[in-house]
Amino acid sequence: MSKSLKDLVADARSRVAAVKPGDAQSARQDGDMILDVREPAELDSDGAIDGAIHIPRGLLEAQADPDTGKGHDALLAMRHSDGCVHVLCASGARAALAADTLRAMGYNAKVIDGGLGGWKEAGLPVTS
């Protein structure tokens, strides 16, 4: 039986926890990180979270695997065994898939509720 995107996202959400935007922002003070998996054009048009790591969803696995050598993101790889990665996209679907992938790769990853829209609704800062 084939699965739709909605099914895949629901499956991913069943395996990863969600966190409120404000809690994700506060957790940064304890060394956690925010990972934005939106495309570069979305960052330009909708704004970005200052200090977040930006890795488009399509590049995540290569960037998250410390064994890929120069192809990985060193800041993300540092969280492989320590701290939590709070994942964000526009609305939450790509973030759920990304957080589930990170979980399978050994990361502690959570989805930020509501994506960037939820972040903005919570009154948290976004750079343009």
C-alpha atoms as a PDB file:
ATOM      1  CA  MET A   1       0.000   0.000   0.000  1.00  0.00           C
ATOM      2  CA  SER A   2       1.413   3.360  -0.976  1.00  0.00           C
ATOM      3  CA  LYS A   3       1.563   6.326   1.392  1.00  0.00           C
ATOM      4  CA  SER A   4       0.784   9.968   0.800  1.00  0.00           C
ATOM      5  CA  LEU A   5       2.830  12.875   2.106  1.00  0.00           C
ATOM      6  CA  LYS A   6       0.202  13.298   4.822  1.00  0.00           C
ATOM      7  CA  ASP A   7       0.726   9.655   5.852  1.00  0.00           C
ATOM      8  CA  LEU A   8       4.507  10.017   5.891  1.00  0.00           C
ATOM      9  CA  VAL A   9       4.313  13.159   8.018  1.00  0.00           C
ATOM     10  CA  ALA A  10       1.876  11.511  10.447  1.00  0.00           C
ATOM     11  CA  ASP A  11       4.229   8.526  10.771  1.00  0.00           C
ATOM     12  CA  ALA A  12       7.178  10.830  11.439  1.00  0.00           C
ATOM     13  CA  ARG A  13       5.215  12.843  14.010  1.00  0.00           C
ATOM     14  CA  SER A  14       4.382   9.624  15.861  1.00  0.00           C
ATOM     15  CA  ARG A  15       8.102   9.107  16.506  1.00  0.00           C
ATOM     16  CA  VAL A  16       9.271  12.626  17.371  1.00  0.00           C
ATOM     17  CA  ALA A  17       8.268  15.047  20.073  1.00  0.00           C
ATOM     18  CA  ALA A  18       7.072  18.575  19.426  1.00  0.00           C
ATOM     19  CA  VAL A  19       8.128  21.698  21.277  1.00  0.00           C
ATOM     20  CA  LYS A  20       6.544  25.127  21.531  1.00  0.00           C
ATOM     21  CA  PRO A  21       8.471  27.890  19.754  1.00  0.00           C
ATOM     22  CA  GLY A  22       9.203  29.743  22.997  1.00  0.00           C
ATOM     23  CA  ASP A  23      10.554  26.586  24.621  1.00  0.00           C
ATOM     24  CA  ALA A  24      12.838  25.976  21.639  1.00  0.00           C
ATOM     25  CA  GLN A  25      14.099  29.553  21.871  1.00  0.00           C
ATOM     26  CA  SER A  26      14.734  29.179  25.625  1.00  0.00           C
ATOM     27  CA  ALA A  27      16.518  25.846  25.145  1.00  0.00           C
ATOM     28  CA  ARG A  28      19.155  27.588  23.050  1.00  0.00           C
ATOM     29  CA  GLN A  29      20.521  29.073  26.268  1.00  0.00           C
ATOM     30  CA  ASP A  30      21.216  25.499  27.426  1.00  0.00           C
ATOM     31  CA  GLY A  31      23.158  24.673  24.262  1.00  0.00           C
ATOM     32  CA  ASP A  32      20.362  23.294  22.096  1.00  0.00           C
ATOM     33  CA  MET A  33      20.151  24.438  18.498  1.00  0.00           C
ATOM     34  CA  ILE A  34      17.507  25.400  15.995  1.00  0.00           C
ATOM     35  CA  LEU A  35      17.742  23.844  12.557  1.00  0.00           C
ATOM     36  CA  ASP A  36      15.778  25.478   9.742  1.00  0.00           C
ATOM     37  CA  VAL A  37      15.188  23.069   6.847  1.00  0.00           C
ATOM     38  CA  ARG A  38      13.460  25.543   4.511  1.00  0.00           C
ATOM     39  CA  GLU A  39      14.856  26.397   1.089  1.00  0.00           C
ATOM     40  CA  PRO A  40      17.111  29.470   0.674  1.00  0.00           C
ATOM     41  CA  ALA A  41      14.395  31.356  -1.239  1.00  0.00           C
ATOM     42  CA  GLU A  42      12.054  30.920   1.737  1.00  0.00           C
ATOM     43  CA  LEU A  43      14.631  32.451   4.055  1.00  0.00           C
ATOM     44  CA  ASP A  44      14.884  35.432   1.721  1.00  0.00           C
ATOM     45  CA  SER A  45      11.128  35.913   1.354  1.00  0.00           C
ATOM     46  CA  ASP A  46       9.841  35.008   4.829  1.00  0.00           C
ATOM     47  CA  GLY A  47      12.766  35.803   7.120  1.00  0.00           C
ATOM     48  CA  ALA A  48      15.093  33.707   9.216  1.00  0.00           C
ATOM     49  CA  ILE A  49      15.750  32.998  12.862  1.00  0.00           C
ATOM     50  CA  ASP A  50      18.972  34.624  13.966  1.00  0.00           C
ATOM     51  CA  GLY A  51      21.505  32.010  15.026  1.00  0.00           C
ATOM     52  CA  ALA A  52      19.661  29.061  13.483  1.00  0.00           C
ATOM     53  CA  ILE A  53      21.539  26.587  11.322  1.00  0.00           C
ATOM     54  CA  HIS A  54      20.106  26.473   7.804  1.00  0.00           C
ATOM     55  CA  ILE A  55      20.256  23.186   5.917  1.00  0.00           C
ATOM     56  CA  PRO A  56      17.633  22.590   3.225  1.00  0.00           C
ATOM     57  CA  ARG A  57      15.685  19.351   3.776  1.00  0.00           C
ATOM     58  CA  GLY A  58      17.136  17.787   0.636  1.00  0.00           C
ATOM     59  CA  LEU A  59      20.700  18.079   1.972  1.00  0.00           C
ATOM     60  CA  LEU A  60      20.039  17.037   5.563  1.00  0.00           C
ATOM     61  CA  GLU A  61      21.329  13.472   5.605  1.00  0.00           C
ATOM     62  CA  ALA A  62      24.691  14.391   4.073  1.00  0.00           C
ATOM     63  CA  GLN A  63      25.079  17.423   6.328  1.00  0.00           C
ATOM     64  CA  ALA A  64      24.072  15.524   9.500  1.00  0.00           C
ATOM     65  CA  ASP A  65      26.378  12.542   9.028  1.00  0.00           C
ATOM     66  CA  PRO A  66      29.744  13.258  10.668  1.00  0.00           C
ATOM     67  CA  ASP A  67      31.271  10.415   8.643  1.00  0.00           C
ATOM     68  CA  THR A  68      30.805  12.263   5.332  1.00  0.00           C
ATOM     69  CA  GLY A  69      33.953  14.292   5.962  1.00  0.00           C
ATOM     70  CA  LYS A  70      33.977  17.802   4.545  1.00  0.00           C
ATOM     71  CA  GLY A  71      30.339  17.470   3.431  1.00  0.00           C
ATOM     72  CA  HIS A  72      28.867  17.619   6.918  1.00  0.00           C
ATOM     73  CA  ASP A  73      27.835  20.632   8.985  1.00  0.00           C
ATOM     74  CA  ALA A  74      30.183  20.749  11.985  1.00  0.00           C
ATOM     75  CA  LEU A  75      27.751  22.646  14.230  1.00  0.00           C
ATOM     76  CA  LEU A  76      24.976  20.137  13.619  1.00  0.00           C
ATOM     77  CA  ALA A  77      27.313  17.168  13.979  1.00  0.00           C
ATOM     78  CA  MET A  78      28.374  18.466  17.414  1.00  0.00           C
ATOM     79  CA  ARG A  79      24.788  17.818  18.562  1.00  0.00           C
ATOM     80  CA  HIS A  80      24.916  14.203  17.435  1.00  0.00           C
ATOM     81  CA  SER A  81      25.507  12.944  20.958  1.00  0.00           C
ATOM     82  CA  ASP A  82      24.831  16.036  23.046  1.00  0.00           C
ATOM     83  CA  GLY A  83      21.907  18.441  23.256  1.00  0.00           C
ATOM     84  CA  CYS A  84      18.776  18.686  21.186  1.00  0.00           C
ATOM     85  CA  VAL A  85      18.110  19.854  17.655  1.00  0.00           C
ATOM     86  CA  HIS A  86      14.813  21.753  17.347  1.00  0.00           C
ATOM     87  CA  VAL A  87      13.712  21.540  13.704  1.00  0.00           C
ATOM     88  CA  LEU A  88      11.656  24.169  11.890  1.00  0.00           C
ATOM     89  CA  CYS A  89      10.217  24.633   8.408  1.00  0.00           C
ATOM     90  CA  ALA A  90       7.369  26.798   7.128  1.00  0.00           C
ATOM     91  CA  SER A  91       4.504  24.828   8.686  1.00  0.00           C
ATOM     92  CA  GLY A  92       5.920  21.660  10.236  1.00  0.00           C
ATOM     93  CA  ALA A  93       5.666  18.892   7.617  1.00  0.00           C
ATOM     94  CA  ARG A  94       9.269  18.978   6.369  1.00  0.00           C
ATOM     95  CA  ALA A  95      10.443  19.556   9.940  1.00  0.00           C
ATOM     96  CA  ALA A  96       8.667  16.375  11.091  1.00  0.00           C
ATOM     97  CA  LEU A  97      10.308  14.355   8.312  1.00  0.00           C
ATOM     98  CA  ALA A  98      13.693  15.937   9.064  1.00  0.00           C
ATOM     99  CA  ALA A  99      13.429  15.409  12.835  1.00  0.00           C
ATOM    100  CA  ASP A 100      12.482  11.767  12.273  1.00  0.00           C
ATOM    101  CA  THR A 101      15.485  11.315   9.989  1.00  0.00           C
ATOM    102  CA  LEU A 102      17.770  12.915  12.575  1.00  0.00           C
ATOM    103  CA  ARG A 103      16.272  10.663  15.262  1.00  0.00           C
ATOM    104  CA  ALA A 104      17.066   7.618  13.125  1.00  0.00           C
ATOM    105  CA  MET A 105      20.626   8.932  12.752  1.00  0.00           C
ATOM    106  CA  GLY A 106      21.054   9.111  16.544  1.00  0.00           C
ATOM    107  CA  TYR A 107      20.179  12.744  17.240  1.00  0.00           C
ATOM    108  CA  ASN A 108      17.791  14.027  19.879  1.00  0.00           C
ATOM    109  CA  ALA A 109      15.473  16.008  17.594  1.00  0.00           C
ATOM    110  CA  LYS A 110      12.129  17.719  18.115  1.00  0.00           C
ATOM    111  CA  VAL A 111       9.749  19.565  15.813  1.00  0.00           C
ATOM    112  CA  ILE A 112       8.938  23.212  16.546  1.00  0.00           C
ATOM    113  CA  ASP A 113       5.126  23.478  16.641  1.00  0.00           C
ATOM    114  CA  GLY A 114       3.657  25.544  13.825  1.00  0.00           C
ATOM    115  CA  GLY A 115       6.910  26.091  11.972  1.00  0.00           C
ATOM    116  CA  LEU A 116       7.952  29.626  11.154  1.00  0.00           C
ATOM    117  CA  GLY A 117       4.318  30.728  11.309  1.00  0.00           C
ATOM    118  CA  GLY A 118       4.067  29.493  14.902  1.00  0.00           C
ATOM    119  CA  TRP A 119       7.380  31.168  15.696  1.00  0.00           C
ATOM    120  CA  LYS A 120       6.073  34.506  14.430  1.00  0.00           C
ATOM    121  CA  GLU A 121       2.705  34.065  16.182  1.00  0.00           C
ATOM    122  CA  ALA A 122       4.614  33.565  19.449  1.00  0.00           C
ATOM    123  CA  GLY A 123       6.187  36.983  18.906  1.00  0.00           C
ATOM    124  CA  LEU A 124       9.696  35.596  18.569  1.00  0.00           C
ATOM    125  CA  PRO A 125      12.269  37.487  16.506  1.00  0.00           C
ATOM    126  CA  VAL A 126      12.807  36.922  12.791  1.00  0.00           C
ATOM    127  CA  THR A 127      15.396  38.710  10.673  1.00  0.00           C
ATOM    128  CA  SER A 128      14.547  39.823   7.166  1.00  0.00           C
END
